[in-house]
């Protein structure tokens, strides 16, 4: 906008100078002596000759002024149209995720020269460059007691940064090519997106042997830990309303990735261990190392994911769409509902998926209440239980075209979540007088 205003002012100044020069020319022509009549021209009277000259000069002055005015108006209109088009295009890009931003390599090139912890910018595509020495000090030299969890390519450590800000640091082995790809993919994606139900990236670091990703700390660790791991039975019970709130949070995060990022992002590894919980049990999707931008147009992708969550069309034919994430969401919903792992071992060489085991119960209302997670059994409205089971069944359909969009799933869950937890369900408490009626 500032450049546009400056351009207009310059044009106005140029017009004024043009008008001034025209006036000077006119005055000069008036002061110059009139030519003497020659023998070959008729002898006109002095008054008539001077009047014609003034009329001619006035006409020229009018023509020049009009031409300058019309030219100025035209230039202003063109500049206005160009500014409007640019402004509109910028607004369209800012409405979702814009993938025409940074190139990741320039951050790697600059990082080796960074000596301080730079504050994170709110602009998409900008990430903090954290000096390795700060990471090392924050994790107490990657002390074993600071380990929060372990993944396929390394451990996650508790870190205490400047001003006692706590964070989680994922350490990835630099020598592993797949780990390097996941590191690059995750930092590129998380640096461009911001959503309440997506884990926040605080920065990254690297040294000769490893790479590090710094996230916001999620004190209540993962959903998997509460459903199947060390946190289950530790005194914290995820109630039915809390489980529905978590399911709603996951759906909101996925809807943002599928519908509000352009092009869409397919997470490709949605599972309960990648659903992290903050101090208020708000759920956030994490681990974007396998995520794909514009998945349907990416051919020859290496098959990746976790057994029990991978959609059948992707497993068999390599067909990857947003519906692949919907399938994984359905499996997580079954975990919340039944309290079982996605794949249970029946013997040394025999396993059974939660879908195969649960399907006969999910479609029979008389049997379903008997297989609900004992931690929440008999704590929900049965009508709501049947609705959630119906959503889960639709999400895990073998044929992707039969699965709903994540937006449809989101709208079906909102009425089942209490108002104070972000839904629209109003819980009516019966009074003592009503109990005696």
Foldseek 3Di string as FASTA:
>chain_A
DVVLVVVLVVLVVVLVVQLVVLVVVLVVVVPDDDDDDDPVDDDDDPVVVVVVVVVVSVVVSVVSNVVSVVVSVVVNVVSVVVVVVVVVVVVVCVQFFHLPDDDLVVCVVCLVVDDDWDFFDPAAPTATRHEVVQVCVQQVNVDPVQFPAADDFFTKGWGQGPPRQIKIKTKGWPVDPLSVLLVSQQCNVLSGDDDPQAWHWHHWYDDDTIIMTITHDAVQAWQCCCLPRDVPPVPDHCEPLLLLLQLLSVLVQLCSQPPRHVQHKAQQADARNQWGQHPVGRTHGDRSSPMDGPPQPDPPDDDDYDPLLAAPCCVPPVHDDSLSVLQSSLLRLLCSFQSDDQWDDPDPPDIDGPCVVCVVLLVDLVRVLVRGHPSHRPPDDSVVSNLSSVLSVQSNDNDSVSHDRSVVVSVSSQCVHDVVSPHPDDDDDDDPVVVVD
